[in-house]
Amino acid sequence: MNKEAIKQWWSEYLSIVFTTTKSYKVVTVIGYFFSFAMSIYMYQAFVAIESQYGPIIIRTLVDIVWAYLVTHLFIRSYIKMRLLNSALTTRSVIWFSIFILIVSVISLAGSYGIEKIGILELIDKENLKIDVSKVDISIVEISVWAVLNTFMTLIFWAMIYLFWHQQIHRKQIQKEMHQAQIQQLTNQLNPHFLFNAFNSIRALIYEDKDKAADTVTQLSELFRTHLQAHLKAKSTLEDEWQVSSRYLAIESIRLEERLQLKVDIDDVLLSQHLPTLTLLTLVENAIKHGVSPNSEAGVINVRAMKINNKYWQLSVGNSVNKQSQADGTNTGMKNVKQRMQLMFGRKYKWQQSKTDNYFEVKMECPIA
């Protein structure tokens, strides 16, 4: 191994040692707290704790620190460097077992050295509750038993760590897949929106060229904002309303007095998140199927209110005076439902109602 390879290995090792997640720290603290309690209990069984209470506490703390260093510096580092990013083969298992055996010997040697430190030396026959002289076990047998016991303990720790890390990794992959699905569904909405916007401009060209020019300007501003939002799978309610209001401004130029808008959005909820383009899709659906097909004035209601400390509600409703002749595949609405499901799981509720003259969608979402 050349100097560059050694330098790279050392850099990777130090990065692993000094980089830990919050969950790892929490689990480690909890685990060693219970280990501390168990060690005190075991010492009570073999040592006259009344006479050596102070040294036992100190010895237990030192043992726990040593056990942490062994698992963190050796076992965890080996797993992250050798096992997590490679296929688990018979060869890798054998080498890992040999490594654990070597670490077991190092761990026992360290424990033996700790025991020889003045105040930490607890093996005093006068303080033992059992007579070790009557125990017919050779030093070799004790050593073998101690190594095997340490070996099994470290193997158990390694298996728990591997399982825990794999669970976190699996959840991370699922989260990334969900984000990719949300982004894919968001992409499907863009051509649909662009098609409707160009249709609006086309209709205006023959009626009012100045208004057509204004609409193109609005569309340019809309897409500048829209393209920035397109880079992320979720947006705040404030961003969602900004994009939707530009779309409504474009449609109001075409529809004029036929479009009546009522908006009631609680400012407290502007920082809440939704899948990108959710509100735009609902508003677009209201224009396409509610207001646009009618020669009479139509109403669109956009409302966001807080239900309680855990949930808030977003609703978009529109008047219905005439059966829409537009494409009724409900692709946009299906995409909204899918993206909401991917983002919130079972924590959101979808309510859709329709009467002879009014259609409304209500969504209850968890407050972040």
Foldseek 3Di string as FASTA:
>chain_A
DDPVVVVVVVVLLVCQLPDDDPVVVVVLVVVLVVVLVVQVVVCVQWFQCVVQVPLSNVLSVVLSVLVCCLCRNQVSSCCVVPPPPDDDDPVSVVVSLVSLLVSLVVSVVVSVVQCPPVSNVRPDCVGTPDRCVPPPDDPVRVVVVSSVVSSVVSVVVNVVVVVVVVVVVVVVVLLVVLQVLLLVLVVVCVVVLVVVLVVLLVVVVVPPVVLSVVLVVLVVVLVVLVVVLSVGQKDFQLSLVVSQVSSVVSVCSRLPQLEAEAEAEDPVRRRPMAGPCLSNLLSVCQCQFARVVDPHRKYWYWYWACPDQWKIKTKIKMWHDDGGPDDDPCSSVVSRVSSCCSVQPPQKDWDWDDDNTMTMIMMMHTGD
